[in-house]
């Protein structure tokens, strides 16, 4: 071939590649994070393997919902810290014609659960019972959720969507440095809870390959036999027998009765944005909406990003919203939630009446508001936008790191410790320090309250952002700050994800800051106004994964440098 033609074609190839997937490198805390910009489709998740598997489904002509199933199942293989078959989650979607919805595949309390099951003889909570071992497990919802999505929106068969994860489990995935550190730290706990060695209880090193043949076989049975395989078939029977052998109370009837539920999302207007987020039993949408409405009339840009006054304003709005969360929110199938009142302009204006930039409000003086008229840090989020214009934001969890730590060697899965998200006793904090009331008390088949906040944002009526994060009680505030970083402070998606974060949740009455990114003068000025400032070594808040639709129609990914997260696209 003519050398000039070869040179021309090479140059053309470089141009095409650079336009289809542009990457810029930004720095944060000495760790490089790439900004990924693509033309048509994108998947951002906690692991590159899972993101690639989801993207491959899109390349084969699947839509965002097909990619969701493939990505979620891949995370169960390569990110068992939070990815799961033995847990649950939430998903918010927006189709290319503007229709929105939400899927609740949150776990449920077993039929044999009781309100006092975690209290001792004197009526005091026994925290370990709801956090470690078999009694901590809620009825898993992830498998039901994935089949529910496929049934309504899927274009590819479940066998095709599960096969990449089956192959990954057989071939194995590379253990990262962060994974190895966490697994080695938990080794003794795994051995104690399981009373034996498990796949994850040996010593790991960065770069090890971990194969989970049992999980591959479990996924193969589910692919061949459908959701009933997990909820009553051979897999279900193995699961129930395993939990029972450790003293748990989940029955085959619990599995057979479980259903994922479609719900109407929370939709909040903030200036020219429409924020579409998760309704109860997640507290995410309502609390996020309350905070946004309480700060909407302030000029945040003039206050300055992460300035003393900006931190004050968000802190005081968060304080009031989390106080309402603790009293009013729970499973809407069991309690009446005054959603419209909690999100009304009149109510939220009244909530902020006693706010002043001069000094902190004392949380002990802040209770839930008076209504007139009536998940974990160890969670994972992924965002997907497909080439057809559909978008999903999904957050899934086992609750604690590796959930209850109870692992079925025969099935290859960890089980959640989601029962800790109930209020074991009104006024008593859970593992994230969140205090609950009667609305979130334990009852058979009830779904526990969550902070997960998968969120889709429209701008001027068009898709603008898909965003979410793990982080327990810090999820809502991390999502809030990421949205504000882009909208109010004109950051890129990656810059918004990288930016340092802070958090307040009513009780305990303290502002928690990430270790890096806040000047001592700012923290000192807050202390002079009677704020309690907490800045712990190696403290990170959330691992946000987000996608932004740019004005030119391209997609920009934000994959959090705080984890092993990755954005991929075409």
Protein backbone atom coordinates (compact mmCIF):
# COMPACT_ATOMS: atom_id res chain seq x y z
CA UNK A 1 0.00 0.00 0.00
CA UNK A 2 1.15 3.55 -0.74
CA UNK A 3 3.06 4.94 2.31
CA UNK A 4 1.10 8.23 2.11
CA UNK A 5 -2.20 6.32 2.31
CA UNK A 6 -0.91 4.34 5.29
CA UNK A 7 0.11 7.56 7.00
CA UNK A 8 -3.27 9.13 6.26
CA UNK A 9 -5.19 6.11 7.60
CA UNK A 10 -3.03 6.04 10.76
CA UNK A 11 -3.73 9.72 11.38
CA UNK A 12 -7.44 9.15 10.78
CA UNK A 13 -7.46 6.28 13.29
CA UNK A 14 -5.78 8.47 15.93
CA UNK A 15 -8.38 11.21 15.40
CA UNK A 16 -11.30 8.77 15.65
CA UNK A 17 -9.96 7.19 18.84
CA UNK A 18 -9.23 10.54 20.46
CA UNK A 19 -12.72 11.82 19.74
CA UNK A 20 -14.51 8.64 20.83
CA UNK A 21 -12.74 8.32 24.18
CA UNK A 22 -10.91 11.40 25.41
CA UNK A 23 -9.05 11.14 28.72
CA UNK A 24 -7.52 13.79 30.93
CA UNK A 25 -5.52 13.07 34.06
CA UNK A 26 -6.27 14.95 37.27
CA UNK A 27 -4.51 14.70 40.61
CA UNK A 28 -6.02 14.24 44.04
CA UNK A 29 -4.18 13.09 47.14
CA UNK A 30 -1.25 11.91 44.97
CA UNK A 31 -3.46 9.39 43.17
CA UNK A 32 -4.11 9.78 39.46
CA UNK A 33 -7.67 9.75 38.22
CA UNK A 34 -8.55 9.82 34.55
CA UNK A 35 -11.38 11.91 33.20
CA UNK A 36 -13.14 9.81 30.60
CA UNK A 37 -15.19 11.41 27.83
CA UNK A 38 -17.02 9.25 25.29
CA UNK A 39 -19.48 9.77 22.47
CA UNK A 40 -22.39 7.43 23.10
CA UNK A 41 -22.39 5.15 26.14
CA UNK A 42 -20.71 4.77 29.51
CA UNK A 43 -20.54 2.51 32.57
CA UNK A 44 -18.91 3.65 35.82
CA UNK A 45 -18.56 1.17 38.68
CA UNK A 46 -16.35 0.10 41.57
CA UNK A 47 -14.25 -2.28 39.44
CA UNK A 48 -12.93 -2.05 35.90
CA UNK A 49 -13.87 -5.68 35.23
CA UNK A 50 -17.52 -4.96 36.04
CA UNK A 51 -17.56 -1.73 34.03
CA UNK A 52 -16.11 -3.52 30.99
CA UNK A 53 -18.62 -6.37 31.26
CA UNK A 54 -21.48 -3.85 31.36
CA UNK A 55 -20.04 -1.94 28.41
CA UNK A 56 -19.61 -5.14 26.37
CA UNK A 57 -23.33 -5.77 26.75
CA UNK A 58 -24.01 -2.29 25.36
CA UNK A 59 -21.63 -2.95 22.45
CA UNK A 60 -23.64 -6.08 21.63
CA UNK A 61 -26.77 -3.92 21.27
CA UNK A 62 -28.11 -4.28 24.80
CA UNK A 63 -29.57 -1.30 26.63
CA UNK A 64 -28.76 0.28 30.02
CA UNK A 65 -31.02 -2.18 31.80
CA UNK A 66 -29.27 -5.17 30.24
CA UNK A 67 -25.94 -3.61 31.21
CA UNK A 68 -27.24 -3.07 34.74
CA UNK A 69 -27.85 -6.80 35.24
CA UNK A 70 -24.46 -7.74 33.81
CA UNK A 71 -22.62 -5.10 35.85
CA UNK A 72 -24.37 -5.97 39.11
CA UNK A 73 -23.61 -9.67 38.74
CA UNK A 74 -19.99 -8.93 37.83
CA UNK A 75 -19.62 -6.83 40.99
CA UNK A 76 -20.89 -9.85 42.96
CA UNK A 77 -17.88 -11.73 41.60
CA UNK A 78 -15.01 -9.22 41.69
CA UNK A 79 -16.22 -6.84 44.43
CA UNK A 80 -17.74 -9.11 47.11
CA UNK A 81 -17.06 -6.38 49.68
CA UNK A 82 -20.45 -4.98 48.58
CA UNK A 83 -21.41 -6.54 45.23
CA UNK A 84 -23.69 -9.44 45.94
CA UNK A 85 -26.29 -12.11 45.45
CA UNK A 86 -26.91 -12.16 49.20
CA UNK A 87 -27.93 -8.51 49.65
CA UNK A 88 -30.16 -5.95 47.96
CA UNK A 89 -30.40 -2.45 46.58
CA UNK A 90 -32.24 0.30 44.73
CA UNK A 91 -32.30 1.59 41.16
CA UNK A 92 -33.60 4.83 39.63
CA UNK A 93 -34.03 5.07 35.87
CA UNK A 94 -34.87 7.52 33.11
CA UNK A 95 -35.73 6.18 29.66
CA UNK A 96 -34.85 7.98 26.45
CA UNK A 97 -38.41 9.32 26.18
CA UNK A 98 -38.23 10.92 29.63
CA UNK A 99 -40.16 8.32 31.64
CA UNK A 100 -38.78 7.76 35.15
CA UNK A 101 -39.16 5.08 37.81
CA UNK A 102 -37.51 3.31 40.70
CA UNK A 103 -36.96 -0.31 41.68
CA UNK A 104 -36.83 -1.43 45.31
CA UNK A 105 -34.99 -4.72 45.72
CA UNK A 106 -34.14 -3.98 49.35
CA UNK A 107 -33.94 -6.91 51.78
CA UNK A 108 -36.83 -7.77 54.13
CA UNK A 109 -37.02 -8.94 57.71
CA UNK A 110 -37.73 -12.69 57.95
CA UNK A 111 -41.24 -13.92 58.84
CA UNK A 112 -39.94 -15.02 62.25
CA UNK A 113 -38.38 -11.63 63.07
CA UNK A 114 -39.59 -9.83 66.20
CA UNK A 115 -39.38 -6.26 67.39
CA UNK A 116 -37.24 -7.21 70.38
CA UNK A 117 -35.00 -9.86 68.78
CA UNK A 118 -31.81 -7.87 69.40
CA UNK A 119 -32.54 -6.82 73.00
CA UNK A 120 -31.23 -8.46 76.16
CA UNK A 121 -33.34 -9.36 79.21
CA UNK A 122 -33.17 -5.79 80.47
CA UNK A 123 -34.33 -4.39 77.13
CA UNK A 124 -30.94 -3.09 76.01
CA UNK A 125 -29.65 -3.68 72.44
CA UNK A 126 -27.00 -6.33 71.78
CA UNK A 127 -25.29 -4.74 68.73
CA UNK A 128 -23.31 -7.80 67.64
CA UNK A 129 -26.47 -9.84 67.06
CA UNK A 130 -27.61 -7.52 64.27
CA UNK A 131 -24.14 -7.08 62.76
CA UNK A 132 -22.38 -10.46 62.71
CA UNK A 133 -23.60 -13.93 61.86
CA UNK A 134 -26.87 -15.56 60.90
CA UNK A 135 -29.38 -13.46 62.87
CA UNK A 136 -28.16 -10.30 61.11
CA UNK A 137 -29.34 -11.49 57.69
CA UNK A 138 -32.33 -9.98 55.90
CA UNK A 139 -34.08 -11.87 53.07
CA UNK A 140 -31.90 -11.09 49.99
CA UNK A 141 -33.40 -9.12 47.09
CA UNK A 142 -30.67 -8.74 44.47
CA UNK A 143 -31.50 -11.76 42.31
CA UNK A 144 -35.22 -10.87 42.29
CA UNK A 145 -34.33 -7.29 41.38
CA UNK A 146 -32.23 -8.29 38.38
CA UNK A 147 -34.95 -10.54 36.99
CA UNK A 148 -37.53 -7.77 37.58
CA UNK A 149 -35.42 -5.36 35.51
CA UNK A 150 -34.92 -7.90 32.74
CA UNK A 151 -38.61 -8.75 32.63
CA UNK A 152 -39.69 -5.12 32.13
CA UNK A 153 -36.86 -3.54 30.16
CA UNK A 154 -34.46 -6.25 29.04
CA UNK A 155 -33.68 -6.88 25.37
CA UNK A 156 -31.24 -9.75 25.92
CA UNK A 157 -31.87 -13.09 27.68
CA UNK A 158 -30.62 -13.53 31.25
CA UNK A 159 -28.35 -16.36 30.11
CA UNK A 160 -26.41 -13.87 27.96
CA UNK A 161 -26.30 -11.30 30.78
CA UNK A 162 -25.03 -13.75 33.42
CA UNK A 163 -22.50 -15.61 31.27
CA UNK A 164 -19.73 -12.96 31.52
CA UNK A 165 -19.89 -13.12 35.33
CA UNK A 166 -19.86 -16.91 35.25
CA UNK A 167 -16.73 -16.75 33.10
CA UNK A 168 -15.15 -14.16 35.40
CA UNK A 169 -15.81 -16.29 38.49
CA UNK A 170 -14.18 -19.30 36.78
CA UNK A 171 -11.23 -17.41 35.33
CA UNK A 172 -10.75 -15.33 38.46
CA UNK A 173 -10.14 -11.66 39.10
CA UNK A 174 -7.04 -9.82 40.27
CA UNK A 175 -7.02 -8.84 43.94
CA UNK A 176 -6.13 -5.16 44.30
CA UNK A 177 -4.01 -3.66 47.05
CA UNK A 178 -7.07 -2.22 48.82
CA UNK A 179 -8.89 -5.55 48.59
CA UNK A 180 -5.93 -7.49 49.95
CA UNK A 181 -5.59 -5.11 52.91
CA UNK A 182 -9.29 -5.36 53.79
CA UNK A 183 -9.45 -9.16 53.43
CA UNK A 184 -6.35 -9.63 55.56
CA UNK A 185 -7.74 -7.28 58.22
CA UNK A 186 -10.96 -9.29 58.38
CA UNK A 187 -9.33 -12.73 58.29
CA UNK A 188 -9.81 -13.45 61.99
CA UNK A 189 -13.43 -12.22 61.89
CA UNK A 190 -14.20 -14.48 58.92
CA UNK A 191 -12.78 -17.46 60.80
CA UNK A 192 -14.64 -16.57 64.00
CA UNK A 193 -18.06 -16.07 62.38
CA UNK A 194 -17.84 -19.06 60.02
CA UNK A 195 -16.09 -21.31 62.58
CA UNK A 196 -13.99 -22.58 59.68
CA UNK A 197 -11.84 -21.38 56.81
CA UNK A 198 -13.58 -19.88 53.77
CA UNK A 199 -12.47 -18.85 50.30
CA UNK A 200 -11.66 -15.35 51.54
CA UNK A 201 -9.94 -16.18 54.83
CA UNK A 202 -6.41 -16.86 53.57
CA UNK A 203 -3.67 -14.20 53.35
CA UNK A 204 -3.88 -12.21 50.13
CA UNK A 205 -1.36 -10.08 48.26
CA UNK A 206 -1.82 -7.41 45.66
CA UNK A 207 -1.98 -9.15 42.27
CA UNK A 208 -3.28 -12.51 43.48
CA UNK A 209 -5.93 -14.17 41.30
CA UNK A 210 -9.08 -15.21 43.13
CA UNK A 211 -11.41 -17.79 41.52
CA UNK A 212 -14.88 -18.51 42.90
CA UNK A 213 -15.99 -21.75 41.25
CA UNK A 214 -18.92 -22.20 43.66
CA UNK A 215 -20.32 -18.80 42.68
CA UNK A 216 -19.92 -19.67 38.99
CA UNK A 217 -22.00 -22.81 39.55
CA UNK A 218 -24.63 -20.84 41.50
CA UNK A 219 -24.91 -18.30 38.67
CA UNK A 220 -25.16 -21.12 36.11
CA UNK A 221 -28.10 -22.66 37.97
CA UNK A 222 -29.83 -19.27 38.17
CA UNK A 223 -29.18 -18.61 34.48
CA UNK A 224 -30.68 -21.97 33.53
CA UNK A 225 -33.63 -22.06 35.95
CA UNK A 226 -34.54 -18.42 36.57
CA UNK A 227 -35.17 -16.47 39.77
CA UNK A 228 -37.07 -19.36 41.37
CA UNK A 229 -33.74 -21.23 41.57
CA UNK A 230 -32.64 -18.75 44.23
CA UNK A 231 -36.06 -18.27 45.80
CA UNK A 232 -37.09 -21.86 46.40
CA UNK A 233 -35.12 -24.14 44.09
CA UNK A 234 -32.00 -26.15 44.87
CA UNK A 235 -29.99 -22.97 45.51
CA UNK A 236 -32.67 -21.65 47.86
CA UNK A 237 -32.73 -24.91 49.81
CA UNK A 238 -28.93 -24.89 50.15
CA UNK A 239 -29.10 -21.28 51.36
CA UNK A 240 -31.80 -21.91 53.96
CA UNK A 241 -30.06 -25.03 55.28
CA UNK A 242 -26.79 -23.13 55.53
CA UNK A 243 -28.28 -20.18 57.43
CA UNK A 244 -30.21 -22.52 59.70
CA UNK A 245 -27.06 -24.49 60.54
CA UNK A 246 -25.66 -21.27 62.02
CA UNK A 247 -28.81 -20.52 64.04
CA UNK A 248 -30.50 -18.17 61.56
CA UNK A 249 -34.26 -17.80 61.04
CA UNK A 250 -34.67 -17.29 57.27
CA UNK A 251 -36.97 -19.98 55.86
CA UNK A 252 -37.81 -21.28 52.39
CA UNK A 253 -41.15 -19.49 52.78
CA UNK A 254 -39.26 -16.21 53.26
CA UNK A 255 -37.52 -16.73 49.94
CA UNK A 256 -40.67 -17.79 48.10
CA UNK A 257 -42.60 -14.73 49.31
CA UNK A 258 -39.92 -12.17 48.46
CA UNK A 259 -40.68 -9.71 45.64
CA UNK A 260 -38.86 -6.67 44.27
CA UNK A 261 -41.19 -3.66 43.95
CA UNK A 262 -41.52 -0.84 41.42
CA UNK A 263 -41.94 2.51 43.17
CA UNK A 264 -42.54 6.13 42.19
CA UNK A 265 -39.33 8.14 42.57
CA UNK A 266 -38.96 11.36 44.53
CA UNK A 267 -38.77 14.32 42.12
CA UNK A 268 -37.45 17.65 43.40
CA UNK A 269 -36.95 20.93 41.56
CA UNK A 270 -33.75 22.81 42.37
CA UNK A 271 -33.43 25.95 40.22
CA UNK A 272 -33.46 24.59 36.65
CA UNK A 273 -32.65 21.03 37.73
CA UNK A 274 -35.04 18.17 38.36
CA UNK A 275 -33.55 15.72 40.85
CA UNK A 276 -35.02 12.22 40.55
CA UNK A 277 -34.09 9.99 43.46
CA UNK A 278 -35.08 6.98 45.55
CA UNK A 279 -38.24 7.04 47.70
CA UNK A 280 -38.74 5.13 50.99
CA UNK A 281 -37.72 2.66 52.22
CA UNK A 282 -34.68 4.65 51.18
CA UNK A 283 -34.37 7.96 53.00
CA UNK A 284 -32.12 9.23 50.21
CA UNK A 285 -34.59 11.05 47.99
CA UNK A 286 -36.52 12.83 50.75
CA UNK A 287 -33.45 13.89 52.75
CA UNK A 288 -31.58 15.02 49.62
CA UNK A 289 -34.67 16.94 48.51
CA UNK A 290 -35.09 18.60 51.88
CA UNK A 291 -31.49 19.80 51.95
CA UNK A 292 -31.61 21.13 48.39
CA UNK A 293 -34.82 23.05 49.10
CA UNK A 294 -33.46 24.50 52.35
CA UNK A 295 -30.38 25.92 50.60
CA UNK A 296 -31.93 26.85 47.24
CA UNK A 297 -32.39 30.57 47.99
CA UNK A 298 -28.78 31.11 49.05
CA UNK A 299 -26.12 32.20 46.57
CA UNK A 300 -23.72 29.29 47.00
CA UNK A 301 -21.26 30.55 44.41
CA UNK A 302 -20.82 33.78 46.34
CA UNK A 303 -20.28 31.86 49.57
CA UNK A 304 -17.44 29.96 47.90
CA UNK A 305 -16.80 26.24 47.52
CA UNK A 306 -16.03 24.61 50.88
CA UNK A 307 -15.80 28.03 52.55
CA UNK A 308 -16.70 28.36 56.21
CA UNK A 309 -20.13 29.81 55.40
CA UNK A 310 -20.82 27.17 52.72
CA UNK A 311 -19.98 24.38 55.16
CA UNK A 312 -22.18 26.03 57.80
CA UNK A 313 -25.17 26.31 55.49
CA UNK A 314 -25.02 22.70 54.31
CA UNK A 315 -24.37 21.47 57.85
CA UNK A 316 -27.42 23.23 59.27
CA UNK A 317 -29.69 21.98 56.47
CA UNK A 318 -28.31 18.45 56.91
CA UNK A 319 -28.82 18.62 60.67
CA UNK A 320 -32.53 19.36 60.25
CA UNK A 321 -33.13 16.88 57.44
CA UNK A 322 -31.45 13.99 59.29
CA UNK A 323 -33.50 14.79 62.41
CA UNK A 324 -36.66 14.37 60.31
CA UNK A 325 -35.23 11.17 58.82
CA UNK A 326 -34.84 9.58 62.22
CA UNK A 327 -38.48 10.16 63.19
CA UNK A 328 -40.64 9.95 60.06
CA UNK A 329 -39.05 7.54 57.60
CA UNK A 330 -39.43 3.78 57.24
CA UNK A 331 -41.00 1.17 54.95
CA UNK A 332 -44.00 2.84 53.23
CA UNK A 333 -45.78 -0.53 53.15
CA UNK A 334 -45.87 -0.41 56.97
CA UNK A 335 -45.91 3.26 58.02
CA UNK A 336 -47.55 6.41 56.69
CA UNK A 337 -44.89 8.88 55.59
CA UNK A 338 -45.87 12.58 55.27
CA UNK A 339 -43.77 12.92 52.13
CA UNK A 340 -45.51 15.97 50.64
CA UNK A 341 -45.34 17.86 53.92
CA UNK A 342 -41.67 17.00 54.49
CA UNK A 343 -40.82 18.39 51.07
CA UNK A 344 -43.10 21.44 51.10
CA UNK A 345 -41.55 24.89 50.72
CA UNK A 346 -43.49 26.26 53.69
CA UNK A 347 -42.33 23.50 56.03
CA UNK A 348 -38.67 23.69 54.99
CA UNK A 349 -38.60 27.49 55.23
CA UNK A 350 -39.85 27.16 58.79
CA UNK A 351 -37.15 24.53 59.54
CA UNK A 352 -34.39 27.02 58.66
CA UNK A 353 -35.86 30.03 60.49
CA UNK A 354 -33.49 29.73 63.46
CA UNK A 355 -30.35 29.27 61.31
CA UNK A 356 -27.66 31.94 61.66
CA UNK A 357 -24.17 32.25 60.21
CA UNK A 358 -23.07 33.61 63.59
CA UNK A 359 -23.04 30.30 65.50
CA UNK A 360 -23.90 26.61 65.33
CA UNK A 361 -27.32 25.28 66.20
CA UNK A 362 -27.14 22.64 68.93
CA UNK A 363 -28.45 19.27 67.72
CA UNK A 364 -29.88 18.59 71.17
CA UNK A 365 -32.18 21.55 70.57
CA UNK A 366 -33.20 20.26 67.10
CA UNK A 367 -35.89 17.63 66.99
CA UNK A 368 -37.96 16.43 64.07
CA UNK A 369 -40.18 19.13 62.63
CA UNK A 370 -43.84 19.39 63.48
CA UNK A 371 -45.93 18.26 60.53
CA UNK A 372 -49.29 19.98 60.25
CA UNK A 373 -51.86 17.55 58.89
CA UNK A 374 -50.03 14.77 58.25
CA UNK A 375 -25.96 1.28 53.87
CA UNK A 376 -23.37 1.50 54.83
CA UNK A 377 -20.11 2.65 54.15
CA UNK A 378 -19.77 -0.82 52.62
CA UNK A 379 -22.09 -0.32 49.68
CA UNK A 380 -21.38 0.13 45.98
CA UNK A 381 -22.90 2.31 43.28
CA UNK A 382 -22.77 2.22 39.50
CA UNK A 383 -24.07 4.57 36.83
CA UNK A 384 -24.92 3.67 33.23
CA UNK A 385 -26.00 5.71 30.20
CA UNK A 386 -26.54 3.79 26.96
CA UNK A 387 -26.30 4.74 23.30
CA UNK A 388 -30.10 5.00 23.12
CA UNK A 389 -30.33 7.70 25.80
CA UNK A 390 -31.54 5.51 28.69
CA UNK A 391 -29.91 6.09 32.09
CA UNK A 392 -29.80 4.17 35.34
CA UNK A 393 -28.35 4.85 38.77
CA UNK A 394 -28.12 1.77 41.01
CA UNK A 395 -26.80 1.24 44.51
CA UNK A 396 -26.43 -2.22 46.03
CA UNK A 397 -25.10 -3.46 49.34
CA UNK A 398 -24.43 -6.16 51.91
CA UNK A 399 -24.48 -3.33 54.51
CA UNK A 400 -21.27 -3.93 56.50
CA UNK A 401 -17.99 -4.88 54.82
CA UNK A 402 -18.73 -8.37 53.47
CA UNK A 403 -22.07 -8.10 55.28
CA UNK A 404 -22.61 -10.45 58.20
CA UNK A 405 -19.22 -12.07 57.34
CA UNK A 406 -21.13 -15.35 57.02
CA UNK A 407 -20.06 -17.04 53.76
CA UNK A 408 -21.53 -20.10 52.06
CA UNK A 409 -18.66 -22.11 50.59
CA UNK A 410 -21.21 -24.19 48.65
CA UNK A 411 -22.85 -21.15 47.00
CA UNK A 412 -19.82 -18.86 46.93
CA UNK A 413 -21.64 -15.88 48.45
CA UNK A 414 -21.57 -13.64 51.51
CA UNK A 415 -24.84 -12.84 53.31
CA UNK A 416 -25.90 -9.34 54.32
CA UNK A 417 -26.20 -7.87 57.83
CA UNK A 418 -29.03 -5.57 56.79
CA UNK A 419 -31.10 -6.18 59.92
CA UNK A 420 -28.83 -3.65 61.66
CA UNK A 421 -30.48 -0.92 59.58
CA UNK A 422 -33.67 -1.34 61.60
CA UNK A 423 -34.10 0.50 64.88
CA UNK A 424 -33.38 -2.27 67.39
CA UNK A 425 -34.62 0.19 70.00
CA UNK A 426 -35.92 3.75 69.38
CA UNK A 427 -33.18 6.27 70.12
CA UNK A 428 -30.34 3.72 69.88
CA UNK A 429 -27.79 4.25 67.06
CA UNK A 430 -26.96 1.64 64.42
CA UNK A 431 -23.45 0.87 63.12
CA UNK A 432 -23.37 4.21 61.24
CA UNK A 433 -24.48 6.23 64.26
CA UNK A 434 -27.94 6.80 62.79
CA UNK A 435 -30.74 6.97 65.33
CA UNK A 436 -34.15 5.60 64.46
CA UNK A 437 -37.66 5.69 65.86
CA UNK A 438 -40.80 3.56 65.78
CA UNK A 439 -41.27 4.09 62.03
CA UNK A 440 -38.19 1.92 61.42
CA UNK A 441 -38.77 -0.74 64.08
CA UNK A 442 -38.49 -4.44 63.19
CA UNK A 443 -41.53 -6.31 61.83
CA UNK A 444 -41.88 -9.48 59.72
CA UNK A 445 -41.50 -8.80 55.96
CA UNK A 446 -40.71 -5.14 56.58
CA UNK A 447 -37.92 -3.45 54.63
CA UNK A 448 -35.33 -1.63 56.71
CA UNK A 449 -34.67 2.08 56.16
CA UNK A 450 -31.68 2.91 53.97
CA UNK A 451 -29.53 5.91 53.05
CA UNK A 452 -28.83 4.70 49.51
CA UNK A 453 -29.41 7.55 47.06
CA UNK A 454 -29.19 6.48 43.41
CA UNK A 455 -30.09 9.67 41.55
CA UNK A 456 -30.79 10.88 38.02
CA UNK A 457 -30.72 14.63 37.36
CA UNK A 458 -32.35 16.49 34.48
CA UNK A 459 -31.37 19.99 33.41
CA UNK A 460 -33.90 22.01 31.45
CA UNK A 461 -35.90 18.83 30.91
CA UNK A 462 -33.03 16.77 29.47
CA UNK A 463 -30.82 14.05 30.96
CA UNK A 464 -27.89 15.70 32.73
CA UNK A 465 -26.39 13.38 35.35
CA UNK A 466 -26.49 9.90 36.85
CA UNK A 467 -24.91 9.79 40.30
CA UNK A 468 -24.63 7.80 43.52
CA UNK A 469 -22.19 6.44 46.07
CA UNK A 470 -21.62 4.04 48.93
CA UNK A 471 -20.92 5.48 52.37
CA UNK A 472 -23.65 4.55 54.85
CA UNK A 473 -25.10 7.69 56.40
CA UNK A 474 -22.69 9.83 54.32
CA UNK A 475 -24.24 8.72 51.02
CA UNK A 476 -26.82 11.52 50.88
CA UNK A 477 -24.36 14.31 51.66
CA UNK A 478 -21.80 12.97 49.17
CA UNK A 479 -24.39 12.89 46.37
CA UNK A 480 -25.54 16.39 47.37
CA UNK A 481 -22.04 17.88 47.24
CA UNK A 482 -21.22 16.19 43.93
CA UNK A 483 -24.30 17.67 42.26
CA UNK A 484 -23.57 21.12 43.71
CA UNK A 485 -19.91 20.91 42.67
CA UNK A 486 -20.90 20.60 39.01
CA UNK A 487 -23.99 22.83 39.00
CA UNK A 488 -22.98 25.68 41.32
CA UNK A 489 -19.19 25.63 40.99
CA UNK A 490 -18.87 24.54 37.34
CA UNK A 491 -16.52 21.63 38.02
CA UNK A 492 -16.04 18.82 35.54
CA UNK A 493 -17.58 15.50 36.54
CA UNK A 494 -14.24 14.11 37.61
CA UNK A 495 -13.30 17.26 39.51
CA UNK A 496 -16.64 17.12 41.31
CA UNK A 497 -16.04 13.51 42.34
CA UNK A 498 -12.45 14.23 43.41
CA UNK A 499 -13.34 17.29 45.51
CA UNK A 500 -12.99 16.86 49.31
CA UNK A 501 -16.22 16.21 51.21
CA UNK A 502 -17.72 16.77 54.65
CA UNK A 503 -20.72 15.37 56.50
CA UNK A 504 -23.19 16.09 59.31
CA UNK A 505 -26.11 13.85 60.29
CA UNK A 506 -27.79 15.54 63.30
CA UNK A 507 -26.44 13.07 65.86
CA UNK A 508 -23.65 12.77 66.80
CA UNK A 509 -23.41 16.57 66.67
CA UNK A 510 -20.17 16.84 64.70
CA UNK A 511 -18.96 17.70 61.21
CA UNK A 512 -16.75 14.97 59.76
CA UNK A 513 -14.20 16.09 57.19
CA UNK A 514 -12.05 14.09 54.83
CA UNK A 515 -8.40 14.18 55.83
CA UNK A 516 -7.19 16.03 52.75
CA UNK A 517 -8.48 19.25 51.22
CA UNK A 518 -9.63 21.50 54.06
CA UNK A 519 -7.48 24.36 55.29
CA UNK A 520 -6.88 24.58 59.03
CA UNK A 521 -8.08 28.20 59.02
CA UNK A 522 -11.51 27.07 57.76
CA UNK A 523 -11.77 24.40 60.44
CA UNK A 524 -10.66 26.83 63.13
CA UNK A 525 -13.28 29.37 62.10
CA UNK A 526 -15.96 26.70 62.45
CA UNK A 527 -14.70 25.80 65.90
CA UNK A 528 -15.03 29.44 67.01
CA UNK A 529 -18.72 29.19 66.08
CA UNK A 530 -19.17 26.15 68.34
CA UNK A 531 -19.03 23.45 65.67
CA UNK A 532 -17.38 20.18 66.65
CA UNK A 533 -14.90 19.35 63.89
CA UNK A 534 -13.73 15.78 63.29
CA UNK A 535 -10.90 15.05 60.88
CA UNK A 536 -9.66 11.49 61.16
CA UNK A 537 -6.58 9.96 59.60
CA UNK A 538 -7.30 8.26 56.25
CA UNK A 539 -10.94 9.33 56.48
CA UNK A 540 -12.81 9.21 53.17
CA UNK A 541 -16.47 9.94 52.59
CA UNK A 542 -18.10 7.88 49.87
CA UNK A 543 -16.86 6.62 46.51
CA UNK A 544 -18.98 8.50 44.00
CA UNK A 545 -19.47 7.07 40.50
CA UNK A 546 -21.23 9.44 38.12
CA UNK A 547 -21.86 10.32 34.47
CA UNK A 548 -22.48 13.84 33.12
CA UNK A 549 -24.13 14.60 29.78
CA UNK A 550 -22.14 17.45 28.26
CA UNK A 551 -23.70 20.26 26.17
CA UNK A 552 -22.19 18.73 23.01
CA UNK A 553 -23.93 15.41 23.73
CA UNK A 554 -20.82 13.53 24.85
CA UNK A 555 -20.64 11.72 28.20
CA UNK A 556 -18.12 12.52 30.92
CA UNK A 557 -17.39 9.98 33.62
CA UNK A 558 -16.42 10.54 37.21
CA UNK A 559 -14.87 7.42 38.78
CA UNK A 560 -13.83 7.92 42.39
CA UNK A 561 -10.09 7.87 43.06
CA UNK A 562 -10.89 6.77 46.64
CA UNK A 563 -11.43 3.20 45.38
CA UNK A 564 -10.55 1.01 42.41
CA UNK A 565 -13.42 2.53 40.41
CA UNK A 566 -13.36 2.81 36.61
CA UNK A 567 -15.30 4.62 33.88
CA UNK A 568 -15.40 3.02 30.43
CA UNK A 569 -17.36 3.90 27.33
CA UNK A 570 -17.57 4.22 23.58
